[in-house]
Structure formats: structure tokens, C-alpha cells
Amino acid sequence: MEFLFHKFTQSYTDIRGYRGYRLLAIDGSDLHIATDRADTDTYFQSQANMKGYNLLHLNAAYDLCNRLYVDAIVQPRRLCNEGKALAAMVDRSPIQGKTIVIADRGYESYNNFAHMERKGWNYAFG
């Protein structure tokens, strides 16, 4: 599935930008999945007498000017690490040239600054 996702997004050739820059928005979201008590990496139960639930965490990179998701990483919610996900998406991205990454502070870290600077990308965290 991941192969098809990347193949599809890389096939998009009518690339637009803002004043010569690619604008990539990075954000995360929790996804409810089927309940499975045995999956301890995704299972949550707030109280013993309450029904539990399972969550995955989706980290997505979205090209704002082209209205296109360019990457995504799904992590078990208990093991999610937004900083690590951003570093992985930056490192494996085929995007070259002037790029600005826009993300919230959950993705902010000196390590991620270094990964983006190594690619020559700019960034803004809020």
C-alpha cells in the first residue's frame, strides 16, 4: 500500500508553488480502529468498568499549493513519536529545491531542524 501511495504522488507532475516554494503542512491525528484488547500498543481503557478503544496515530505531509498528500506515517498510539515521524518523512522525501515545512510544536526538535536544514528546506513551527 505504501508503495502505491508514493508511486501515485510522485506521478503528479503539474507542481505549483507559492513564490517558488513548495509549502508542506505536517500534522497528526488519532484514528479510531476496531477494538482489540490484545493489541496493547493501541488499546486504551480509562476506567476498569468502561469500554476500551484502540487508536492509531497518523502523521501526514500535505502539499498546500497542489492539494496533495505527499507522505504519511501511521504509528500505534502508545508508541507514536511525531518528531521521529517528521524526520523519517523529510529523509525519504524526493522533493528537492525551495521548500517550507509548516508544523505544530509537537514536531519541533533540534533533530528535525537538522534533518530539514540538511535538505536545504526552511521551516515554521507554531
N, C-alpha and C. Protein backbone atom coordinates (compact mmCIF):
# COMPACT_ATOMS: atom_id res chain seq x y z
N MET A 1 0.82 -1.18 0.00
CA MET A 1 0.00 0.00 0.00
C MET A 1 0.87 1.26 0.00
N GLU A 2 1.91 1.27 0.83
CA GLU A 2 2.80 2.43 0.89
C GLU A 2 3.46 2.68 -0.46
N PHE A 3 3.87 1.61 -1.13
CA PHE A 3 4.49 1.73 -2.45
C PHE A 3 3.54 2.43 -3.42
N LEU A 4 2.27 2.01 -3.44
CA LEU A 4 1.29 2.61 -4.34
C LEU A 4 1.06 4.08 -4.02
N PHE A 5 0.99 4.41 -2.74
CA PHE A 5 0.81 5.79 -2.32
C PHE A 5 1.94 6.67 -2.87
N HIS A 6 3.17 6.24 -2.66
CA HIS A 6 4.32 7.04 -3.12
C HIS A 6 4.40 7.08 -4.64
N LYS A 7 4.11 5.99 -5.29
CA LYS A 7 4.12 5.95 -6.76
C LYS A 7 3.10 6.94 -7.32
N PHE A 8 1.92 6.96 -6.73
CA PHE A 8 0.86 7.87 -7.18
C PHE A 8 1.27 9.32 -6.98
N THR A 9 1.74 9.68 -5.78
CA THR A 9 2.07 11.07 -5.51
C THR A 9 3.25 11.54 -6.35
N GLN A 10 4.20 10.66 -6.64
CA GLN A 10 5.34 11.04 -7.47
C GLN A 10 4.96 11.16 -8.94
N SER A 11 3.84 10.59 -9.33
CA SER A 11 3.41 10.68 -10.73
C SER A 11 2.77 12.03 -11.04
N TYR A 12 2.45 12.79 -10.01
CA TYR A 12 1.85 14.11 -10.19
C TYR A 12 2.94 15.06 -10.67
N THR A 13 2.79 15.62 -11.87
CA THR A 13 3.88 16.42 -12.46
C THR A 13 3.56 17.90 -12.59
N ASP A 14 2.31 18.31 -12.45
CA ASP A 14 1.94 19.71 -12.60
C ASP A 14 2.12 20.42 -11.25
N ILE A 15 3.37 20.52 -10.80
CA ILE A 15 3.68 21.03 -9.47
C ILE A 15 3.61 22.56 -9.45
N ARG A 16 2.82 23.08 -8.52
CA ARG A 16 2.72 24.52 -8.30
C ARG A 16 3.34 24.84 -6.95
N GLY A 17 3.70 26.09 -6.78
CA GLY A 17 4.27 26.54 -5.52
C GLY A 17 3.79 27.94 -5.19
N TYR A 18 4.29 28.45 -4.09
CA TYR A 18 4.00 29.81 -3.66
C TYR A 18 5.29 30.60 -3.70
N ARG A 19 5.38 31.52 -4.66
CA ARG A 19 6.59 32.34 -4.85
C ARG A 19 7.83 31.47 -4.96
N GLY A 20 7.68 30.36 -5.67
CA GLY A 20 8.81 29.47 -5.92
C GLY A 20 9.05 28.42 -4.85
N TYR A 21 8.27 28.40 -3.80
CA TYR A 21 8.44 27.45 -2.69
C TYR A 21 7.34 26.39 -2.71
N ARG A 22 7.71 25.16 -2.37
CA ARG A 22 6.73 24.12 -2.04
C ARG A 22 6.36 24.35 -0.58
N LEU A 23 5.09 24.33 -0.28
CA LEU A 23 4.61 24.50 1.09
C LEU A 23 4.05 23.18 1.58
N LEU A 24 4.70 22.61 2.59
CA LEU A 24 4.27 21.32 3.14
C LEU A 24 3.75 21.51 4.56
N ALA A 25 2.50 21.18 4.78
CA ALA A 25 1.91 21.22 6.11
C ALA A 25 2.00 19.82 6.72
N ILE A 26 2.49 19.76 7.95
CA ILE A 26 2.64 18.48 8.65
C ILE A 26 1.72 18.52 9.86
N ASP A 27 0.93 17.47 10.03
CA ASP A 27 0.07 17.41 11.20
C ASP A 27 -0.24 15.95 11.53
N GLY A 28 -0.69 15.75 12.74
CA GLY A 28 -1.03 14.40 13.19
C GLY A 28 -2.46 14.33 13.66
N SER A 29 -3.00 13.13 13.63
CA SER A 29 -4.37 12.91 14.07
C SER A 29 -4.53 11.48 14.55
N ASP A 30 -5.34 11.30 15.59
CA ASP A 30 -5.62 9.96 16.08
C ASP A 30 -6.77 9.35 15.30
N LEU A 31 -6.65 8.08 15.01
CA LEU A 31 -7.66 7.34 14.26
C LEU A 31 -8.20 6.20 15.11
N HIS A 32 -9.50 6.15 15.29
CA HIS A 32 -10.13 5.02 15.99
C HIS A 32 -10.14 3.81 15.05
N ILE A 33 -9.78 2.67 15.60
CA ILE A 33 -9.81 1.41 14.83
C ILE A 33 -10.63 0.39 15.62
N ALA A 34 -10.84 -0.75 15.03
CA ALA A 34 -11.62 -1.81 15.70
C ALA A 34 -11.02 -2.15 17.06
N THR A 35 -11.87 -2.39 18.02
CA THR A 35 -11.43 -2.69 19.37
C THR A 35 -10.78 -4.07 19.44
N ASP A 36 -9.58 -4.08 20.03
CA ASP A 36 -8.82 -5.32 20.21
C ASP A 36 -8.02 -5.19 21.50
N ARG A 37 -8.53 -5.76 22.58
CA ARG A 37 -7.87 -5.69 23.89
C ARG A 37 -6.45 -6.25 23.87
N ALA A 38 -6.20 -7.20 22.98
CA ALA A 38 -4.89 -7.86 22.94
C ALA A 38 -3.81 -6.96 22.34
N ASP A 39 -4.19 -5.93 21.61
CA ASP A 39 -3.21 -5.04 20.98
C ASP A 39 -2.85 -3.93 21.97
N THR A 40 -1.89 -4.21 22.83
CA THR A 40 -1.55 -3.28 23.91
C THR A 40 -0.90 -1.99 23.42
N ASP A 41 -0.38 -1.97 22.21
CA ASP A 41 0.22 -0.75 21.67
C ASP A 41 -0.82 0.28 21.22
N THR A 42 -2.05 -0.17 21.02
CA THR A 42 -3.10 0.75 20.56
C THR A 42 -4.31 0.80 21.49
N TYR A 43 -4.39 -0.11 22.46
CA TYR A 43 -5.60 -0.22 23.30
C TYR A 43 -5.55 0.75 24.49
N PHE A 44 -6.67 1.43 24.72
CA PHE A 44 -6.82 2.35 25.85
C PHE A 44 -8.12 2.01 26.58
N GLN A 45 -8.06 2.11 27.90
CA GLN A 45 -9.25 1.93 28.72
C GLN A 45 -9.09 2.86 29.92
N SER A 46 -9.91 3.91 29.97
CA SER A 46 -9.74 4.93 31.00
C SER A 46 -10.12 4.43 32.40
N GLN A 47 -11.14 3.57 32.49
CA GLN A 47 -11.54 3.01 33.77
C GLN A 47 -11.91 1.55 33.57
N ALA A 48 -11.75 0.77 34.62
CA ALA A 48 -11.99 -0.68 34.52
C ALA A 48 -13.42 -1.02 34.07
N ASN A 49 -14.38 -0.21 34.46
CA ASN A 49 -15.78 -0.51 34.11
C ASN A 49 -16.22 0.16 32.79
N MET A 50 -15.29 0.80 32.10
CA MET A 50 -15.60 1.48 30.83
C MET A 50 -15.13 0.63 29.65
N LYS A 51 -15.81 0.79 28.53
CA LYS A 51 -15.40 0.10 27.31
C LYS A 51 -14.11 0.73 26.79
N GLY A 52 -13.19 -0.09 26.37
CA GLY A 52 -11.94 0.40 25.83
C GLY A 52 -12.02 0.69 24.34
N TYR A 53 -10.94 1.19 23.80
CA TYR A 53 -10.87 1.53 22.38
C TYR A 53 -9.42 1.46 21.91
N ASN A 54 -9.22 1.38 20.62
CA ASN A 54 -7.89 1.32 20.04
C ASN A 54 -7.67 2.54 19.15
N LEU A 55 -6.43 3.04 19.18
CA LEU A 55 -6.08 4.22 18.38
C LEU A 55 -4.78 4.00 17.63
N LEU A 56 -4.74 4.54 16.42
CA LEU A 56 -3.50 4.70 15.66
C LEU A 56 -3.26 6.19 15.55
N HIS A 57 -2.01 6.58 15.30
CA HIS A 57 -1.69 8.00 15.09
C HIS A 57 -1.19 8.18 13.67
N LEU A 58 -1.86 9.04 12.92
CA LEU A 58 -1.50 9.34 11.55
C LEU A 58 -0.71 10.64 11.52
N ASN A 59 0.50 10.59 10.94
CA ASN A 59 1.31 11.77 10.68
C ASN A 59 1.29 11.97 9.17
N ALA A 60 0.86 13.14 8.72
CA ALA A 60 0.70 13.35 7.29
C ALA A 60 1.42 14.62 6.84
N ALA A 61 1.97 14.56 5.62
CA ALA A 61 2.58 15.71 4.96
C ALA A 61 1.71 16.06 3.77
N TYR A 62 1.23 17.30 3.74
CA TYR A 62 0.28 17.75 2.72
C TYR A 62 0.85 18.95 1.98
N ASP A 63 0.91 18.86 0.67
CA ASP A 63 1.37 19.95 -0.19
C ASP A 63 0.20 20.92 -0.35
N LEU A 64 0.32 22.09 0.26
CA LEU A 64 -0.79 23.05 0.28
C LEU A 64 -1.16 23.60 -1.09
N CYS A 65 -0.17 23.90 -1.93
CA CYS A 65 -0.45 24.51 -3.23
C CYS A 65 -1.01 23.50 -4.23
N ASN A 66 -0.64 22.24 -4.07
CA ASN A 66 -1.08 21.22 -5.02
C ASN A 66 -2.21 20.35 -4.50
N ARG A 67 -2.63 20.62 -3.23
CA ARG A 67 -3.72 19.85 -2.61
C ARG A 67 -3.49 18.35 -2.73
N LEU A 68 -2.31 17.95 -2.27
CA LEU A 68 -1.87 16.57 -2.45
C LEU A 68 -1.13 16.09 -1.20
N TYR A 69 -1.54 14.94 -0.67
CA TYR A 69 -0.76 14.32 0.40
C TYR A 69 0.50 13.73 -0.23
N VAL A 70 1.67 14.10 0.31
CA VAL A 70 2.92 13.61 -0.27
C VAL A 70 3.57 12.53 0.58
N ASP A 71 3.14 12.38 1.83
CA ASP A 71 3.67 11.30 2.66
C ASP A 71 2.77 11.12 3.88
N ALA A 72 2.86 9.95 4.47
CA ALA A 72 2.11 9.65 5.69
C ALA A 72 2.78 8.51 6.42
N ILE A 73 2.78 8.60 7.73
CA ILE A 73 3.31 7.53 8.58
C ILE A 73 2.26 7.24 9.65
N VAL A 74 1.89 5.98 9.80
CA VAL A 74 0.91 5.57 10.81
C VAL A 74 1.67 4.82 11.90
N GLN A 75 1.41 5.22 13.15
CA GLN A 75 2.08 4.62 14.30
C GLN A 75 1.04 4.15 15.32
N PRO A 76 1.35 3.07 16.06
CA PRO A 76 0.47 2.71 17.18
C PRO A 76 0.44 3.88 18.16
N ARG A 77 -0.71 4.22 18.69
CA ARG A 77 -0.83 5.44 19.51
C ARG A 77 0.08 5.44 20.72
N ARG A 78 0.23 4.34 21.39
CA ARG A 78 1.09 4.32 22.58
C ARG A 78 2.57 4.45 22.23
N LEU A 79 2.92 4.17 20.99
CA LEU A 79 4.32 4.24 20.55
C LEU A 79 4.57 5.43 19.63
N CYS A 80 3.58 6.30 19.48
CA CYS A 80 3.74 7.37 18.49
C CYS A 80 4.81 8.36 18.92
N ASN A 81 5.52 8.85 17.92
CA ASN A 81 6.57 9.84 18.13
C ASN A 81 6.53 10.76 16.92
N GLU A 82 5.89 11.92 17.07
CA GLU A 82 5.74 12.83 15.95
C GLU A 82 7.08 13.33 15.43
N GLY A 83 8.02 13.57 16.32
CA GLY A 83 9.33 14.04 15.89
C GLY A 83 10.05 13.03 15.01
N LYS A 84 10.01 11.78 15.42
CA LYS A 84 10.63 10.71 14.64
C LYS A 84 9.93 10.55 13.29
N ALA A 85 8.61 10.69 13.27
CA ALA A 85 7.85 10.57 12.02
C ALA A 85 8.23 11.68 11.04
N LEU A 86 8.36 12.91 11.54
CA LEU A 86 8.75 14.02 10.66
C LEU A 86 10.14 13.79 10.10
N ALA A 87 11.09 13.38 10.93
CA ALA A 87 12.45 13.12 10.44
C ALA A 87 12.43 12.07 9.34
N ALA A 88 11.66 11.02 9.52
CA ALA A 88 11.58 9.96 8.51
C ALA A 88 10.97 10.48 7.21
N MET A 89 9.91 11.30 7.31
CA MET A 89 9.27 11.83 6.10
C MET A 89 10.21 12.78 5.36
N VAL A 90 10.95 13.59 6.09
CA VAL A 90 11.92 14.51 5.46
C VAL A 90 13.01 13.70 4.77
N ASP A 91 13.57 12.73 5.46
CA ASP A 91 14.69 11.96 4.91
C ASP A 91 14.31 11.17 3.66
N ARG A 92 13.11 10.65 3.61
CA ARG A 92 12.74 9.82 2.46
C ARG A 92 12.05 10.60 1.35
N SER A 93 11.85 11.90 1.55
CA SER A 93 11.16 12.70 0.55
C SER A 93 12.02 12.93 -0.69
N PRO A 94 11.45 12.74 -1.88
CA PRO A 94 12.16 13.04 -3.12
C PRO A 94 12.08 14.52 -3.49
N ILE A 95 11.36 15.32 -2.70
CA ILE A 95 11.19 16.74 -3.01
C ILE A 95 12.51 17.46 -2.85
N GLN A 96 12.86 18.21 -3.88
CA GLN A 96 14.11 18.98 -3.86
C GLN A 96 13.79 20.44 -4.11
N GLY A 97 14.71 21.30 -3.76
CA GLY A 97 14.53 22.72 -4.04
C GLY A 97 13.89 23.45 -2.88
N LYS A 98 13.43 24.66 -3.17
CA LYS A 98 12.90 25.56 -2.16
C LYS A 98 11.60 25.00 -1.57
N THR A 99 11.66 24.69 -0.27
CA THR A 99 10.53 24.07 0.43
C THR A 99 10.40 24.69 1.81
N ILE A 100 9.18 24.93 2.22
CA ILE A 100 8.91 25.39 3.59
C ILE A 100 7.99 24.37 4.25
N VAL A 101 8.43 23.85 5.39
CA VAL A 101 7.64 22.91 6.19
C VAL A 101 6.95 23.70 7.29
N ILE A 102 5.64 23.51 7.41
CA ILE A 102 4.84 24.19 8.43
C ILE A 102 4.25 23.11 9.33
N ALA A 103 4.53 23.19 10.63
CA ALA A 103 4.07 22.14 11.55
C ALA A 103 3.79 22.74 12.92
N ASP A 104 3.05 21.99 13.75
CA ASP A 104 2.82 22.45 15.11
C ASP A 104 3.98 22.02 16.00
N ARG A 105 3.96 22.47 17.24
CA ARG A 105 5.12 22.26 18.10
C ARG A 105 5.34 20.82 18.53
N GLY A 106 4.39 19.93 18.27
CA GLY A 106 4.61 18.52 18.56
C GLY A 106 5.71 17.92 17.69
N TYR A 107 5.99 18.57 16.57
CA TYR A 107 7.01 18.09 15.64
C TYR A 107 8.34 18.83 15.80
N GLU A 108 8.36 19.84 16.64
CA GLU A 108 9.52 20.70 16.78
C GLU A 108 10.62 20.01 17.60
N SER A 109 11.83 19.98 17.04
CA SER A 109 13.00 19.49 17.78
C SER A 109 14.26 19.91 17.02
N TYR A 110 15.36 20.02 17.74
CA TYR A 110 16.62 20.37 17.09
C TYR A 110 17.00 19.31 16.06
N ASN A 111 16.70 18.06 16.35
CA ASN A 111 16.99 16.98 15.41
C ASN A 111 16.25 17.21 14.09
N ASN A 112 14.97 17.58 14.17
CA ASN A 112 14.21 17.82 12.95
C ASN A 112 14.71 19.06 12.21
N PHE A 113 15.12 20.08 12.95
CA PHE A 113 15.72 21.25 12.28
C PHE A 113 16.92 20.79 11.45
N ALA A 114 17.75 19.95 12.03
CA ALA A 114 18.95 19.47 11.32
C ALA A 114 18.59 18.66 10.08
N HIS A 115 17.58 17.79 10.17
CA HIS A 115 17.16 17.00 9.02
C HIS A 115 16.69 17.91 7.88
N MET A 116 15.92 18.94 8.21
CA MET A 116 15.40 19.84 7.18
C MET A 116 16.50 20.74 6.62
N GLU A 117 17.39 21.21 7.48
CA GLU A 117 18.49 22.05 7.01
C GLU A 117 19.43 21.27 6.10
N ARG A 118 19.62 20.00 6.38
CA ARG A 118 20.46 19.15 5.53
C ARG A 118 19.89 19.06 4.11
N LYS A 119 18.57 19.12 4.00
CA LYS A 119 17.91 19.09 2.68
C LYS A 119 17.80 20.47 2.06
N GLY A 120 18.17 21.50 2.82
CA GLY A 120 18.05 22.86 2.33
C GLY A 120 16.64 23.42 2.45
N TRP A 121 15.81 22.79 3.29
CA TRP A 121 14.43 23.23 3.47
C TRP A 121 14.35 24.27 4.59
N ASN A 122 13.34 25.11 4.51
CA ASN A 122 13.02 26.06 5.56
C ASN A 122 11.85 25.50 6.36
N TYR A 123 11.58 26.11 7.53
CA TYR A 123 10.51 25.57 8.37
C TYR A 123 9.93 26.65 9.26
N ALA A 124 8.69 26.44 9.67
CA ALA A 124 8.00 27.30 10.62
C ALA A 124 7.16 26.41 11.53
N PHE A 125 7.35 26.59 12.84
CA PHE A 125 6.60 25.80 13.82
C PHE A 125 5.75 26.74 14.66
N GLY A 126 4.53 26.32 14.95
CA GLY A 126 3.65 27.21 15.72
C GLY A 126 2.92 26.47 16.80
